[in-house]
Structure formats: structure tokens, C-alpha cells
Amino acid sequence: MMMKSNALLFGIESSKGEFEGTKYDSTKFHLSVDLGQKSNGKTVGVVTRPFKLGDSTEIEKWEHLNQYMSQGKPIPVEAEFDVVASSDGVKLTLMSVKPATQASGKAAASAQA
């Protein structure tokens, strides 16, 4: 089942290389989302979770926000997830992410540029 959600994006990291003959190429988006059943203990403050999406070139679409995000300011985003429920709980797979259109301020203007 597909689900759209608003979230805060706190960081992005790309990774590309080879390890023991296996190539890898991905980008992780660190989003604040409800951890639900995955949380075994207590949390204080904001908790983020990494979601893979695309290859290492995906980060290039977001590089213009580096100065803003490096100050610790999250970017409001609209994320689309594939949600799969099983006996082990709910698995979220990030399918798309883009700057939120309803966000205001400098970040939203920069993100939409």
C-alpha cells in the first residue's frame, strides 16, 4: 500500500564503491518519522531513520541546500512510502521524496529552486 507523509529531512548521505568484490551505490535520506514498533526503549528529542532511495547521484538534486542543512535546520518534505505489514511489524520503503510545497521561509524557496 502506498502512503504519502510529511516529514522532516535532517541529512542526506551518498555512498558508492566496492567492498569485497560487491559494488554498492545508494543514497540515504535521514527522516524523522514515527518509529512505531521498532522503538524498544525511550527517546528524547528528535529521532531520525535512514531510508535508501536511488543511487549516489540522487544527492546532487539536494546539494543546493547544504548550507541550510549544515546549520542543523531540517527541510520539510513530502515523502511517499510503500507500506508492507507482516507478522514482524510494518516495513516502510521510501519511494520518493521532495521538498514540501506548503513549507514557508528561506528553505522552502531554496528547495523549490
PDB file of N, CA and C in Angstrom:
ATOM      1  N   MET A   1       0.847  -1.169   0.000  1.00  0.00           N
ATOM      2  CA  MET A   1       0.000   0.000   0.000  1.00  0.00           C
ATOM      3  C   MET A   1       0.893   1.233   0.000  1.00  0.00           C
ATOM      4  N   MET A   2       0.564   2.198  -0.826  1.00  0.00           N
ATOM      5  CA  MET A   2       1.331   3.445  -0.897  1.00  0.00           C
ATOM      6  C   MET A   2       0.743   4.454   0.090  1.00  0.00           C
ATOM      7  N   MET A   3       1.653   5.212   0.739  1.00  0.00           N
ATOM      8  CA  MET A   3       1.224   6.198   1.718  1.00  0.00           C
ATOM      9  C   MET A   3       2.085   7.445   1.556  1.00  0.00           C
ATOM     10  N   LYS A   4       1.441   8.617   1.525  1.00  0.00           N
ATOM     11  CA  LYS A   4       2.170   9.871   1.490  1.00  0.00           C
ATOM     12  C   LYS A   4       2.209  10.437   2.900  1.00  0.00           C
ATOM     13  N   SER A   5       3.325  11.080   3.222  1.00  0.00           N
ATOM     14  CA  SER A   5       3.506  11.606   4.558  1.00  0.00           C
ATOM     15  C   SER A   5       4.393  12.839   4.515  1.00  0.00           C
ATOM     16  N   ASN A   6       4.135  13.780   5.413  1.00  0.00           N
ATOM     17  CA  ASN A   6       5.036  14.910   5.594  1.00  0.00           C
ATOM     18  C   ASN A   6       6.058  14.512   6.641  1.00  0.00           C
ATOM     19  N   ALA A   7       7.292  14.897   6.435  1.00  0.00           N
ATOM     20  CA  ALA A   7       8.366  14.552   7.365  1.00  0.00           C
ATOM     21  C   ALA A   7       9.395  15.676   7.346  1.00  0.00           C
ATOM     22  N   LEU A   8      10.358  15.562   8.229  1.00  0.00           N
ATOM     23  CA  LEU A   8      11.486  16.485   8.244  1.00  0.00           C
ATOM     24  C   LEU A   8      12.729  15.734   7.809  1.00  0.00           C
ATOM     25  N   LEU A   9      13.460  16.335   6.878  1.00  0.00           N
ATOM     26  CA  LEU A   9      14.696  15.750   6.363  1.00  0.00           C
ATOM     27  C   LEU A   9      15.865  16.409   7.081  1.00  0.00           C
ATOM     28  N   PHE A  10      16.641  15.611   7.805  1.00  0.00           N
ATOM     29  CA  PHE A  10      17.756  16.132   8.598  1.00  0.00           C
ATOM     30  C   PHE A  10      19.115  15.951   7.932  1.00  0.00           C
ATOM     31  N   GLY A  11      19.226  15.026   7.003  1.00  0.00           N
ATOM     32  CA  GLY A  11      20.504  14.817   6.349  1.00  0.00           C
ATOM     33  C   GLY A  11      20.381  13.847   5.199  1.00  0.00           C
ATOM     34  N   ILE A  12      21.374  13.898   4.317  1.00  0.00           N
ATOM     35  CA  ILE A  12      21.428  13.022   3.145  1.00  0.00           C
ATOM     36  C   ILE A  12      22.864  12.546   3.016  1.00  0.00           C
ATOM     37  N   GLU A  13      23.043  11.277   2.724  1.00  0.00           N
ATOM     38  CA  GLU A  13      24.391  10.758   2.502  1.00  0.00           C
ATOM     39  C   GLU A  13      24.387   9.823   1.307  1.00  0.00           C
ATOM     40  N   SER A  14      25.405   9.988   0.475  1.00  0.00           N
ATOM     41  CA  SER A  14      25.539   9.090  -0.669  1.00  0.00           C
ATOM     42  C   SER A  14      26.725   8.170  -0.419  1.00  0.00           C
ATOM     43  N   SER A  15      26.670   7.028  -1.045  1.00  0.00           N
ATOM     44  CA  SER A  15      27.719   6.030  -0.858  1.00  0.00           C
ATOM     45  C   SER A  15      27.889   5.259  -2.161  1.00  0.00           C
ATOM     46  N   LYS A  16      29.152   5.160  -2.595  1.00  0.00           N
ATOM     47  CA  LYS A  16      29.422   4.422  -3.827  1.00  0.00           C
ATOM     48  C   LYS A  16      30.807   3.812  -3.705  1.00  0.00           C
ATOM     49  N   GLY A  17      30.917   2.581  -4.087  1.00  0.00           N
ATOM     50  CA  GLY A  17      32.218   1.931  -4.047  1.00  0.00           C
ATOM     51  C   GLY A  17      32.101   0.443  -4.247  1.00  0.00           C
ATOM     52  N   GLU A  18      33.104  -0.255  -3.747  1.00  0.00           N
ATOM     53  CA  GLU A  18      33.147  -1.712  -3.858  1.00  0.00           C
ATOM     54  C   GLU A  18      33.715  -2.267  -2.556  1.00  0.00           C
ATOM     55  N   PHE A  19      33.094  -3.325  -2.066  1.00  0.00           N
ATOM     56  CA  PHE A  19      33.561  -3.981  -0.851  1.00  0.00           C
ATOM     57  C   PHE A  19      33.600  -5.475  -1.092  1.00  0.00           C
ATOM     58  N   GLU A  20      34.767  -6.047  -0.994  1.00  0.00           N
ATOM     59  CA  GLU A  20      34.974  -7.483  -1.207  1.00  0.00           C
ATOM     60  C   GLU A  20      34.334  -7.976  -2.500  1.00  0.00           C
ATOM     61  N   GLY A  21      34.551  -7.203  -3.562  1.00  0.00           N
ATOM     62  CA  GLY A  21      34.056  -7.592  -4.878  1.00  0.00           C
ATOM     63  C   GLY A  21      32.598  -7.260  -5.151  1.00  0.00           C
ATOM     64  N   THR A  22      31.885  -6.706  -4.159  1.00  0.00           N
ATOM     65  CA  THR A  22      30.484  -6.336  -4.345  1.00  0.00           C
ATOM     66  C   THR A  22      30.378  -4.824  -4.466  1.00  0.00           C
ATOM     67  N   LYS A  23      29.800  -4.365  -5.570  1.00  0.00           N
ATOM     68  CA  LYS A  23      29.622  -2.931  -5.778  1.00  0.00           C
ATOM     69  C   LYS A  23      28.371  -2.438  -5.063  1.00  0.00           C
ATOM     70  N   TYR A  24      28.438  -1.207  -4.574  1.00  0.00           N
ATOM     71  CA  TYR A  24      27.268  -0.577  -3.952  1.00  0.00           C
ATOM     72  C   TYR A  24      27.182   0.862  -4.433  1.00  0.00           C
ATOM     73  N   ASP A  25      25.965   1.386  -4.476  1.00  0.00           N
ATOM     74  CA  ASP A  25      25.711   2.728  -4.992  1.00  0.00           C
ATOM     75  C   ASP A  25      24.330   3.146  -4.505  1.00  0.00           C
ATOM     76  N   SER A  26      24.265   4.003  -3.490  1.00  0.00           N
ATOM     77  CA  SER A  26      22.969   4.384  -2.942  1.00  0.00           C
ATOM     78  C   SER A  26      23.025   5.742  -2.259  1.00  0.00           C
ATOM     79  N   THR A  27      21.857   6.273  -1.966  1.00  0.00           N
ATOM     80  CA  THR A  27      21.705   7.495  -1.183  1.00  0.00           C
ATOM     81  C   THR A  27      20.740   7.201  -0.057  1.00  0.00           C
ATOM     82  N   LYS A  28      21.068   7.702   1.143  1.00  0.00           N
ATOM     83  CA  LYS A  28      20.199   7.559   2.310  1.00  0.00           C
ATOM     84  C   LYS A  28      19.671   8.927   2.719  1.00  0.00           C
ATOM     85  N   PHE A  29      18.374   8.992   2.944  1.00  0.00           N
ATOM     86  CA  PHE A  29      17.707  10.188   3.437  1.00  0.00           C
ATOM     87  C   PHE A  29      17.368   9.949   4.900  1.00  0.00           C
ATOM     88  N   HIS A  30      17.832  10.840   5.775  1.00  0.00           N
ATOM     89  CA  HIS A  30      17.579  10.707   7.213  1.00  0.00           C
ATOM     90  C   HIS A  30      16.352  11.545   7.560  1.00  0.00           C
ATOM     91  N   LEU A  31      15.241  10.835   7.779  1.00  0.00           N
ATOM     92  CA  LEU A  31      13.951  11.469   8.028  1.00  0.00           C
ATOM     93  C   LEU A  31      13.497  11.227   9.455  1.00  0.00           C
ATOM     94  N   SER A  32      12.785  12.213  10.005  1.00  0.00           N
ATOM     95  CA  SER A  32      12.129  11.982  11.288  1.00  0.00           C
ATOM     96  C   SER A  32      10.755  11.401  10.970  1.00  0.00           C
ATOM     97  N   VAL A  33      10.556  10.202  11.417  1.00  0.00           N
ATOM     98  CA  VAL A  33       9.286   9.510  11.196  1.00  0.00           C
ATOM     99  C   VAL A  33       8.914   8.783  12.475  1.00  0.00           C
ATOM    100  N   ASP A  34       7.672   8.388  12.580  1.00  0.00           N
ATOM    101  CA  ASP A  34       7.222   7.616  13.725  1.00  0.00           C
ATOM    102  C   ASP A  34       7.885   6.250  13.670  1.00  0.00           C
ATOM    103  N   LEU A  35       8.645   5.929  14.689  1.00  0.00           N
ATOM    104  CA  LEU A  35       9.362   4.658  14.696  1.00  0.00           C
ATOM    105  C   LEU A  35       8.451   3.484  15.019  1.00  0.00           C
ATOM    106  N   GLY A  36       7.283   3.765  15.581  1.00  0.00           N
ATOM    107  CA  GLY A  36       6.288   2.732  15.847  1.00  0.00           C
ATOM    108  C   GLY A  36       6.832   1.559  16.615  1.00  0.00           C
ATOM    109  N   GLN A  37       6.636   0.366  16.101  1.00  0.00           N
ATOM    110  CA  GLN A  37       7.005  -0.862  16.792  1.00  0.00           C
ATOM    111  C   GLN A  37       8.510  -1.093  16.819  1.00  0.00           C
ATOM    112  N   LYS A  38       9.275  -0.351  16.079  1.00  0.00           N
ATOM    113  CA  LYS A  38      10.727  -0.544  16.051  1.00  0.00           C
ATOM    114  C   LYS A  38      11.407   0.042  17.290  1.00  0.00           C
ATOM    115  N   SER A  39      10.701   0.886  18.033  1.00  0.00           N
ATOM    116  CA  SER A  39      11.291   1.529  19.195  1.00  0.00           C
ATOM    117  C   SER A  39      11.129   0.642  20.422  1.00  0.00           C
ATOM    118  N   ASN A  40      12.253   0.138  20.951  1.00  0.00           N
ATOM    119  CA  ASN A  40      12.222  -0.769  22.099  1.00  0.00           C
ATOM    120  C   ASN A  40      12.380  -0.035  23.417  1.00  0.00           C
ATOM    121  N   GLY A  41      12.811   1.191  23.385  1.00  0.00           N
ATOM    122  CA  GLY A  41      13.089   1.916  24.611  1.00  0.00           C
ATOM    123  C   GLY A  41      12.533   3.317  24.554  1.00  0.00           C
ATOM    124  N   LYS A  42      13.229   4.211  25.223  1.00  0.00           N
ATOM    125  CA  LYS A  42      12.799   5.605  25.301  1.00  0.00           C
ATOM    126  C   LYS A  42      13.622   6.454  24.343  1.00  0.00           C
ATOM    127  N   THR A  43      13.053   7.549  23.935  1.00  0.00           N
ATOM    128  CA  THR A  43      13.782   8.512  23.126  1.00  0.00           C
ATOM    129  C   THR A  43      13.582   9.900  23.723  1.00  0.00           C
ATOM    130  N   VAL A  44      14.549  10.754  23.536  1.00  0.00           N
ATOM    131  CA  VAL A  44      14.469  12.147  23.930  1.00  0.00           C
ATOM    132  C   VAL A  44      14.891  12.955  22.719  1.00  0.00           C
ATOM    133  N   GLY A  45      14.104  13.939  22.365  1.00  0.00           N
ATOM    134  CA  GLY A  45      14.436  14.764  21.204  1.00  0.00           C
ATOM    135  C   GLY A  45      13.992  14.124  19.909  1.00  0.00           C
ATOM    136  N   VAL A  46      14.616  14.538  18.837  1.00  0.00           N
ATOM    137  CA  VAL A  46      14.256  14.073  17.502  1.00  0.00           C
ATOM    138  C   VAL A  46      15.030  12.801  17.173  1.00  0.00           C
ATOM    139  N   VAL A  47      14.317  11.817  16.676  1.00  0.00           N
ATOM    140  CA  VAL A  47      14.941  10.569  16.242  1.00  0.00           C
ATOM    141  C   VAL A  47      14.752  10.473  14.741  1.00  0.00           C
ATOM    142  N   THR A  48      15.834  10.192  14.024  1.00  0.00           N
ATOM    143  CA  THR A  48      15.738  10.049  12.577  1.00  0.00           C
ATOM    144  C   THR A  48      15.993   8.598  12.200  1.00  0.00           C
ATOM    145  N   ARG A  49      15.584   8.285  10.997  1.00  0.00           N
ATOM    146  CA  ARG A  49      15.757   6.934  10.481  1.00  0.00           C
ATOM    147  C   ARG A  49      16.236   7.040   9.036  1.00  0.00           C
ATOM    148  N   PRO A  50      17.265   6.288   8.660  1.00  0.00           N
ATOM    149  CA  PRO A  50      17.733   6.360   7.271  1.00  0.00           C
ATOM    150  C   PRO A  50      16.859   5.509   6.339  1.00  0.00           C
ATOM    151  N   PHE A  51      16.569   6.070   5.175  1.00  0.00           N
ATOM    152  CA  PHE A  51      15.830   5.362   4.129  1.00  0.00           C
ATOM    153  C   PHE A  51      16.635   5.456   2.848  1.00  0.00           C
ATOM    154  N   LYS A  52      16.905   4.329   2.195  1.00  0.00           N
ATOM    155  CA  LYS A  52      17.613   4.335   0.915  1.00  0.00           C
ATOM    156  C   LYS A  52      16.659   4.733  -0.200  1.00  0.00           C
ATOM    157  N   LEU A  53      17.211   5.524  -1.132  1.00  0.00           N
ATOM    158  CA  LEU A  53      16.441   5.903  -2.316  1.00  0.00           C
ATOM    159  C   LEU A  53      17.420   6.239  -3.428  1.00  0.00           C
ATOM    160  N   GLY A  54      17.328   5.533  -4.514  1.00  0.00           N
ATOM    161  CA  GLY A  54      18.135   5.825  -5.687  1.00  0.00           C
ATOM    162  C   GLY A  54      19.607   5.501  -5.512  1.00  0.00           C
ATOM    163  N   ASP A  55      20.392   5.975  -6.483  1.00  0.00           N
ATOM    164  CA  ASP A  55      21.835   5.746  -6.428  1.00  0.00           C
ATOM    165  C   ASP A  55      22.531   6.986  -5.867  1.00  0.00           C
ATOM    166  N   SER A  56      23.851   6.980  -5.874  1.00  0.00           N
ATOM    167  CA  SER A  56      24.611   8.065  -5.256  1.00  0.00           C
ATOM    168  C   SER A  56      24.425   9.419  -5.937  1.00  0.00           C
ATOM    169  N   THR A  57      23.921   9.442  -7.158  1.00  0.00           N
ATOM    170  CA  THR A  57      23.707  10.721  -7.844  1.00  0.00           C
ATOM    171  C   THR A  57      22.469  11.456  -7.322  1.00  0.00           C
ATOM    172  N   GLU A  58      21.611  10.779  -6.574  1.00  0.00           N
ATOM    173  CA  GLU A  58      20.390  11.389  -6.032  1.00  0.00           C
ATOM    174  C   GLU A  58      20.721  12.613  -5.168  1.00  0.00           C
ATOM    175  N   ILE A  59      21.860  12.570  -4.481  1.00  0.00           N
ATOM    176  CA  ILE A  59      22.239  13.670  -3.589  1.00  0.00           C
ATOM    177  C   ILE A  59      22.450  14.980  -4.348  1.00  0.00           C
ATOM    178  N   GLU A  60      22.798  14.899  -5.619  1.00  0.00           N
ATOM    179  CA  GLU A  60      23.047  16.099  -6.418  1.00  0.00           C
ATOM    180  C   GLU A  60      21.821  17.006  -6.505  1.00  0.00           C
ATOM    181  N   LYS A  61      20.630  16.435  -6.439  1.00  0.00           N
ATOM    182  CA  LYS A  61      19.390  17.213  -6.501  1.00  0.00           C
ATOM    183  C   LYS A  61      19.194  18.063  -5.247  1.00  0.00           C
ATOM    184  N   TRP A  62      19.921  17.743  -4.180  1.00  0.00           N
ATOM    185  CA  TRP A  62      19.737  18.392  -2.878  1.00  0.00           C
ATOM    186  C   TRP A  62      20.942  19.211  -2.441  1.00  0.00           C
ATOM    187  N   GLU A  63      22.022  19.172  -3.183  1.00  0.00           N
ATOM    188  CA  GLU A  63      23.257  19.842  -2.772  1.00  0.00           C
ATOM    189  C   GLU A  63      23.099  21.346  -2.556  1.00  0.00           C
ATOM    190  N   HIS A  64      22.181  21.980  -3.270  1.00  0.00           N
ATOM    191  CA  HIS A  64      21.987  23.423  -3.107  1.00  0.00           C
ATOM    192  C   HIS A  64      21.453  23.776  -1.713  1.00  0.00           C
ATOM    193  N   LEU A  65      21.012  22.794  -0.939  1.00  0.00           N
ATOM    194  CA  LEU A  65      20.510  23.029   0.419  1.00  0.00           C
ATOM    195  C   LEU A  65      21.558  22.743   1.494  1.00  0.00           C
ATOM    196  N   ASN A  66      22.778  22.443   1.081  1.00  0.00           N
ATOM    197  CA  ASN A  66      23.820  22.064   2.026  1.00  0.00           C
ATOM    198  C   ASN A  66      24.064  23.121   3.099  1.00  0.00           C
ATOM    199  N   GLN A  67      24.173  24.379   2.713  1.00  0.00           N
ATOM    200  CA  GLN A  67      24.462  25.427   3.680  1.00  0.00           C
ATOM    201  C   GLN A  67      23.353  25.516   4.728  1.00  0.00           C
ATOM    202  N   TYR A  68      22.125  25.414   4.296  1.00  0.00           N
ATOM    203  CA  TYR A  68      20.981  25.475   5.206  1.00  0.00           C
ATOM    204  C   TYR A  68      20.970  24.264   6.145  1.00  0.00           C
ATOM    205  N   MET A  69      21.103  23.079   5.589  1.00  0.00           N
ATOM    206  CA  MET A  69      21.026  21.857   6.383  1.00  0.00           C
ATOM    207  C   MET A  69      22.238  21.684   7.292  1.00  0.00           C
ATOM    208  N   SER A  70      23.413  22.172   6.886  1.00  0.00           N
ATOM    209  CA  SER A  70      24.602  22.017   7.715  1.00  0.00           C
ATOM    210  C   SER A  70      24.511  22.844   8.994  1.00  0.00           C
ATOM    211  N   GLN A  71      23.553  23.750   9.068  1.00  0.00           N
ATOM    212  CA  GLN A  71      23.308  24.529  10.280  1.00  0.00           C
ATOM    213  C   GLN A  71      22.361  23.792  11.227  1.00  0.00           C
ATOM    214  N   GLY A  72      22.021  22.563  10.882  1.00  0.00           N
ATOM    215  CA  GLY A  72      21.127  21.775  11.724  1.00  0.00           C
ATOM    216  C   GLY A  72      19.658  22.053  11.494  1.00  0.00           C
ATOM    217  N   LYS A  73      19.335  22.708  10.400  1.00  0.00           N
ATOM    218  CA  LYS A  73      17.944  23.042  10.093  1.00  0.00           C
ATOM    219  C   LYS A  73      17.360  21.977   9.172  1.00  0.00           C
ATOM    220  N   PRO A  74      16.319  21.291   9.606  1.00  0.00           N
ATOM    221  CA  PRO A  74      15.705  20.279   8.744  1.00  0.00           C
ATOM    222  C   PRO A  74      14.880  20.915   7.631  1.00  0.00           C
ATOM    223  N   ILE A  75      14.678  20.150   6.580  1.00  0.00           N
ATOM    224  CA  ILE A  75      13.873  20.576   5.439  1.00  0.00           C
ATOM    225  C   ILE A  75      12.538  19.833   5.497  1.00  0.00           C
ATOM    226  N   PRO A  76      11.401  20.554   5.491  1.00  0.00           N
ATOM    227  CA  PRO A  76      10.109  19.871   5.402  1.00  0.00           C
ATOM    228  C   PRO A  76       9.981  19.209   4.028  1.00  0.00           C
ATOM    229  N   VAL A  77       9.603  17.945   4.017  1.00  0.00           N
ATOM    230  CA  VAL A  77       9.481  17.205   2.760  1.00  0.00           C
ATOM    231  C   VAL A  77       8.163  16.452   2.699  1.00  0.00           C
ATOM    232  N   GLU A  78       7.795  16.106   1.474  1.00  0.00           N
ATOM    233  CA  GLU A  78       6.685  15.205   1.220  1.00  0.00           C
ATOM    234  C   GLU A  78       7.304  13.890   0.780  1.00  0.00           C
ATOM    235  N   ALA A  79       7.034  12.845   1.523  1.00  0.00           N
ATOM    236  CA  ALA A  79       7.618  11.532   1.230  1.00  0.00           C
ATOM    237  C   ALA A  79       6.513  10.552   0.876  1.00  0.00           C
ATOM    238  N   GLU A  80       6.827   9.653  -0.033  1.00  0.00           N
ATOM    239  CA  GLU A  80       5.901   8.585  -0.384  1.00  0.00           C
ATOM    240  C   GLU A  80       6.567   7.263  -0.020  1.00  0.00           C
ATOM    241  N   PHE A  81       5.844   6.451   0.737  1.00  0.00           N
ATOM    242  CA  PHE A  81       6.350   5.176   1.213  1.00  0.00           C
ATOM    243  C   PHE A  81       5.501   4.026   0.691  1.00  0.00           C
ATOM    244  N   ASP A  82       6.142   2.903   0.475  1.00  0.00           N
ATOM    245  CA  ASP A  82       5.443   1.639   0.272  1.00  0.00           C
ATOM    246  C   ASP A  82       5.373   1.011   1.661  1.00  0.00           C
ATOM    247  N   VAL A  83       4.177   0.687   2.114  1.00  0.00           N
ATOM    248  CA  VAL A  83       3.972   0.142   3.447  1.00  0.00           C
ATOM    249  C   VAL A  83       3.562  -1.320   3.322  1.00  0.00           C
ATOM    250  N   VAL A  84       4.326  -2.198   3.975  1.00  0.00           N
ATOM    251  CA  VAL A  84       4.028  -3.625   3.945  1.00  0.00           C
ATOM    252  C   VAL A  84       3.915  -4.113   5.391  1.00  0.00           C
ATOM    253  N   ALA A  85       2.754  -4.639   5.729  1.00  0.00           N
ATOM    254  CA  ALA A  85       2.531  -5.178   7.074  1.00  0.00           C
ATOM    255  C   ALA A  85       2.762  -6.682   7.060  1.00  0.00           C
ATOM    256  N   SER A  86       3.418  -7.151   8.117  1.00  0.00           N
ATOM    257  CA  SER A  86       3.647  -8.590   8.261  1.00  0.00           C
ATOM    258  C   SER A  86       3.585  -8.927   9.752  1.00  0.00           C
ATOM    259  N   SER A  87       3.809 -10.169  10.072  1.00  0.00           N
ATOM    260  CA  SER A  87       3.796 -10.583  11.475  1.00  0.00           C
ATOM    261  C   SER A  87       4.953  -9.956  12.251  1.00  0.00           C
ATOM    262  N   ASP A  88       5.985  -9.507  11.552  1.00  0.00           N
ATOM    263  CA  ASP A  88       7.134  -8.859  12.191  1.00  0.00           C
ATOM    264  C   ASP A  88       6.931  -7.369  12.407  1.00  0.00           C
ATOM    265  N   GLY A  89       5.846  -6.821  11.908  1.00  0.00           N
ATOM    266  CA  GLY A  89       5.580  -5.397  12.027  1.00  0.00           C
ATOM    267  C   GLY A  89       5.362  -4.761  10.676  1.00  0.00           C
ATOM    268  N   VAL A  90       5.595  -3.472  10.603  1.00  0.00           N
ATOM    269  CA  VAL A  90       5.371  -2.715   9.379  1.00  0.00           C
ATOM    270  C   VAL A  90       6.718  -2.309   8.786  1.00  0.00           C
ATOM    271  N   LYS A  91       6.869  -2.546   7.485  1.00  0.00           N
ATOM    272  CA  LYS A  91       8.101  -2.157   6.792  1.00  0.00           C
ATOM    273  C   LYS A  91       7.787  -0.972   5.886  1.00  0.00           C
ATOM    274  N   LEU A  92       8.570   0.103   6.037  1.00  0.00           N
ATOM    275  CA  LEU A  92       8.430   1.285   5.196  1.00  0.00           C
ATOM    276  C   LEU A  92       9.576   1.326   4.201  1.00  0.00           C
ATOM    277  N   THR A  93       9.248   1.491   2.924  1.00  0.00           N
ATOM    278  CA  THR A  93      10.255   1.661   1.886  1.00  0.00           C
ATOM    279  C   THR A  93      10.010   3.014   1.235  1.00  0.00           C
ATOM    280  N   LEU A  94      11.016   3.879   1.257  1.00  0.00           N
ATOM    281  CA  LEU A  94      10.884   5.197   0.656  1.00  0.00           C
ATOM    282  C   LEU A  94      10.854   5.063  -0.864  1.00  0.00           C
ATOM    283  N   MET A  95       9.813   5.603  -1.482  1.00  0.00           N
ATOM    284  CA  MET A  95       9.652   5.530  -2.935  1.00  0.00           C
ATOM    285  C   MET A  95       9.977   6.865  -3.613  1.00  0.00           C
ATOM    286  N   SER A  96       9.699   7.980  -2.915  1.00  0.00           N
ATOM    287  CA  SER A  96      10.024   9.306  -3.445  1.00  0.00           C
ATOM    288  C   SER A  96      10.065  10.310  -2.305  1.00  0.00           C
ATOM    289  N   VAL A  97      10.808  11.380  -2.519  1.00  0.00           N
ATOM    290  CA  VAL A  97      10.874  12.466  -1.542  1.00  0.00           C
ATOM    291  C   VAL A  97      11.107  13.759  -2.302  1.00  0.00           C
ATOM    292  N   LYS A  98      10.417  14.825  -1.871  1.00  0.00           N
ATOM    293  CA  LYS A  98      10.587  16.133  -2.497  1.00  0.00           C
ATOM    294  C   LYS A  98      10.312  17.200  -1.443  1.00  0.00           C
ATOM    295  N   PRO A  99      10.861  18.399  -1.641  1.00  0.00           N
ATOM    296  CA  PRO A  99      10.585  19.480  -0.701  1.00  0.00           C
ATOM    297  C   PRO A  99       9.080  19.733  -0.618  1.00  0.00           C
ATOM    298  N   ALA A 100       8.602  19.987   0.587  1.00  0.00           N
ATOM    299  CA  ALA A 100       7.169  20.229   0.794  1.00  0.00           C
ATOM    300  C   ALA A 100       6.776  21.560   0.170  1.00  0.00           C
ATOM    301  N   THR A 101       5.634  21.585  -0.494  1.00  0.00           N
ATOM    302  CA  THR A 101       5.169  22.795  -1.152  1.00  0.00           C
ATOM    303  C   THR A 101       4.564  23.773  -0.166  1.00  0.00           C
ATOM    304  N   GLN A 102       4.031  23.301   0.965  1.00  0.00           N
ATOM    305  CA  GLN A 102       3.411  24.189   1.932  1.00  0.00           C
ATOM    306  C   GLN A 102       4.421  24.786   2.900  1.00  0.00           C
ATOM    307  N   ALA A 103       5.688  24.390   2.811  1.00  0.00           N
ATOM    308  CA  ALA A 103       6.715  24.926   3.710  1.00  0.00           C
ATOM    309  C   ALA A 103       6.935  26.400   3.402  1.00  0.00           C
ATOM    310  N   SER A 104       7.223  27.142   4.435  1.00  0.00           N
ATOM    311  CA  SER A 104       7.459  28.561   4.231  1.00  0.00           C
ATOM    312  C   SER A 104       8.888  28.902   4.597  1.00  0.00           C
ATOM    313  N   GLY A 105       9.285  30.083   4.229  1.00  0.00           N
ATOM    314  CA  GLY A 105      10.606  30.552   4.619  1.00  0.00           C
ATOM    315  C   GLY A 105      11.660  30.299   3.568  1.00  0.00           C
ATOM    316  N   LYS A 106      12.884  30.622   3.950  1.00  0.00           N
ATOM    317  CA  LYS A 106      14.033  30.544   3.046  1.00  0.00           C
ATOM    318  C   LYS A 106      14.285  29.130   2.530  1.00  0.00           C
ATOM    319  N   ALA A 107      14.140  28.126   3.397  1.00  0.00           N
ATOM    320  CA  ALA A 107      14.414  26.749   2.993  1.00  0.00           C
ATOM    321  C   ALA A 107      13.471  26.300   1.890  1.00  0.00           C
ATOM    322  N   ALA A 108      12.194  26.625   2.035  1.00  0.00           N
ATOM    323  CA  ALA A 108      11.216  26.208   1.026  1.00  0.00           C
ATOM    324  C   ALA A 108      11.511  26.868  -0.311  1.00  0.00           C
ATOM    325  N   ALA A 109      11.863  28.145  -0.270  1.00  0.00           N
ATOM    326  CA  ALA A 109      12.183  28.841  -1.517  1.00  0.00           C
ATOM    327  C   ALA A 109      13.421  28.231  -2.172  1.00  0.00           C
ATOM    328  N   SER A 110      14.426  27.928  -1.358  1.00  0.00           N
ATOM    329  CA  SER A 110      15.644  27.317  -1.881  1.00  0.00           C
ATOM    330  C   SER A 110      15.377  25.912  -2.397  1.00  0.00           C
ATOM    331  N   ALA A 111      14.550  25.167  -1.671  1.00  0.00           N
ATOM    332  CA  ALA A 111      14.285  23.780  -2.019  1.00  0.00           C
ATOM    333  C   ALA A 111      13.517  23.681  -3.330  1.00  0.00           C
ATOM    334  N   GLN A 112      12.693  24.665  -3.628  1.00  0.00           N
ATOM    335  CA  GLN A 112      11.890  24.611  -4.835  1.00  0.00           C
ATOM    336  C   GLN A 112      12.628  25.183  -6.035  1.00  0.00           C
ATOM    337  N   ALA A 113      13.779  25.782  -5.800  1.00  0.00           N
ATOM    338  CA  ALA A 113      14.550  26.388  -6.904  1.00  0.00           C
ATOM    339  C   ALA A 113      15.155  25.343  -7.789  1.00  0.00           C
TER     340      ALA A 113
END
